[in-house]
């Protein structure tokens, strides 16, 4: 039997040697009988050729390949041997069984960089450099960005790549620019590909090689919209791209438009990498796209593997899945756990219990009593309506332990009049004239004690009105304080315009500067729990109030407890709580959820269940039931 390729089709001639069941199997593979041969149109000759030759070899069918197909098969075999060698070496590096002369040379190279890599970063970087298409699944705060930049610089100096293209959420852009300068000692020519029109972005992709940027920063949305132009850009002569997907768990949607666009773009990059601390957010199948992206031509997970994982997952055979994943992708990613970072243990101080002052206590008691009253008639409502009511009421209760005047603001999808009494409403409207809240007094005392010893202080609150109140208070007593929240602008580029409103980056940089005089930073976890790192000069964080959002809480903890500062400096966390209030319920449930998340994060092959890591309406509803129904 002769096998040839004609017009993008694989053709089998002289098929008399095939038995009937062979013909049936080939029909299943897509081979159809025409006048002279069995033929299959193929978009990708190599994988189809490998599939049929493997089957024919297993069935001991004798065949002859055309010269063209023989060459394709030989090249594929050689490539597979090379990859097997790389995979084997990566496995030994990961297991720390191989730290050879090449590793020592790599260490010598990194020692010349302005930023010195930690031991775990060196091993992670060398593992990535060996693979050159790598995955880093280390925990937040472990220095993944620094690791990648050191690999990029090594490849750039070797002449193997000349630009770094990052696709990720907007919050990662400024950290990449900052880390680039701090790690490599130079400010890159960079561009943010987001927010402008597609036509204006198009011109940026087709600059001359001499005028090209070194660092490109794109959102997932931009990559989806521009992927045709990006592919052309990557394919230009002289453009050798190192493509990184940051927060790569956004590729989790199998067949999703983002994933498909990135898979297409990735084919035209010289080197590829994925970074995420949560590689398996919802299902074991979520890793498929990550490794298909990295190893587009030779994915370590075969179609049979993927089918088997799907079957096992439906049967809850998780241990079988973990064993298969370890065998197939274990050598291909590097993971540093929190316990591996060598950080000083963080200190969680016992909550500071504060007694409510007279007016705020009367307001809190009135709100809580009103909610109990409203709860009596809830059985008339359907579940959807009840969920909205309960969530709104919990928001009101949380507002009342943060700043009473927040109760005057509207809440989306919640319209209950919880302030029926004009006396109560007047108390709230005039609250600032009547008293200073107990929490604000306690906060002021704590901050000033820390300031006496020269400490910088980070204050967290979930409410904008409270943030502004705290800033106003410290400014009024002569303390310089700045605020970062959702409306604080983000720096678009490296230019600073005189007279413009301060950006988040301006405020952060000023706060980090030990000589600036800015020693109090007030921030909202929803706006900057991910986007600022303060661990080099700030070691004290105070939580004025908390929400049930555990993801934001854990991210906020990491702002002052990270690699590059926390090895020798103790991170301290303080919690202000009103006695006998909702504050205790929130903190208790955050601690339970946080422990679950930490237990999951420390393991390699666990489904992360991003519901744990994202705000969940069910948390507010469960809290409402605990406090008002099941009491």
Foldseek 3Di string as FASTA:
>chain_A
DEWEDDPQKIWDAPCPQDDPVSVVVVVVVPFDDDDGTTMHRHPDPLVSLVVVVVVCVVVVHDYHYDPVVVVSPVVVVVVVVVLVVLLVVLQCLQVVVDCDPVLVVLQVQQVPWLDHDDPLLSSQLVSCLSNLLFEAQADPQQCPLLSVLSSVVVCVVVVQAQAEEEEEDPLCVVVNQVSNCNGHVDGWQEAEQDDDDPVVVLVLLDDDLVPHTRYYYYYLVSLLVCLVSLQVSLQDPPHAYEYEYEQVLVLQPVVDSSLVSLLSNLVSHSGYYYYHNAQFAFFLLSVVSVQCSRCVPCRLQDPVNSVVRVVCVVVVVQVVNVVVCCVRCVSRYHYDAPVNRLFDDAAEDDADAWAWDDLLVVLLVLLVVLVLVVVVPVVVDDPVLVLLALLVSLVQQQCSLQALLCNVDDDPSYDDDSCPDPVSVVCSVCVVVVDDTRLLVVVVVVVVVCVVVVAFEEEEDADPVSLVVSCVVCVVVPAHEEEDEDPAAADNDPDDDPPDGDHPVNVLVLCLPSPNRHRYYYYYLVRPLANAANQAGHQEYEYSADDLQLLSVVSNQSSNTHPPHRSPGHHYYYYHHYPPGCRVVSVVNSVVLNVVQSVQSRDDDDHNNCPSNGDDSVVSVVSSCVPRPPD
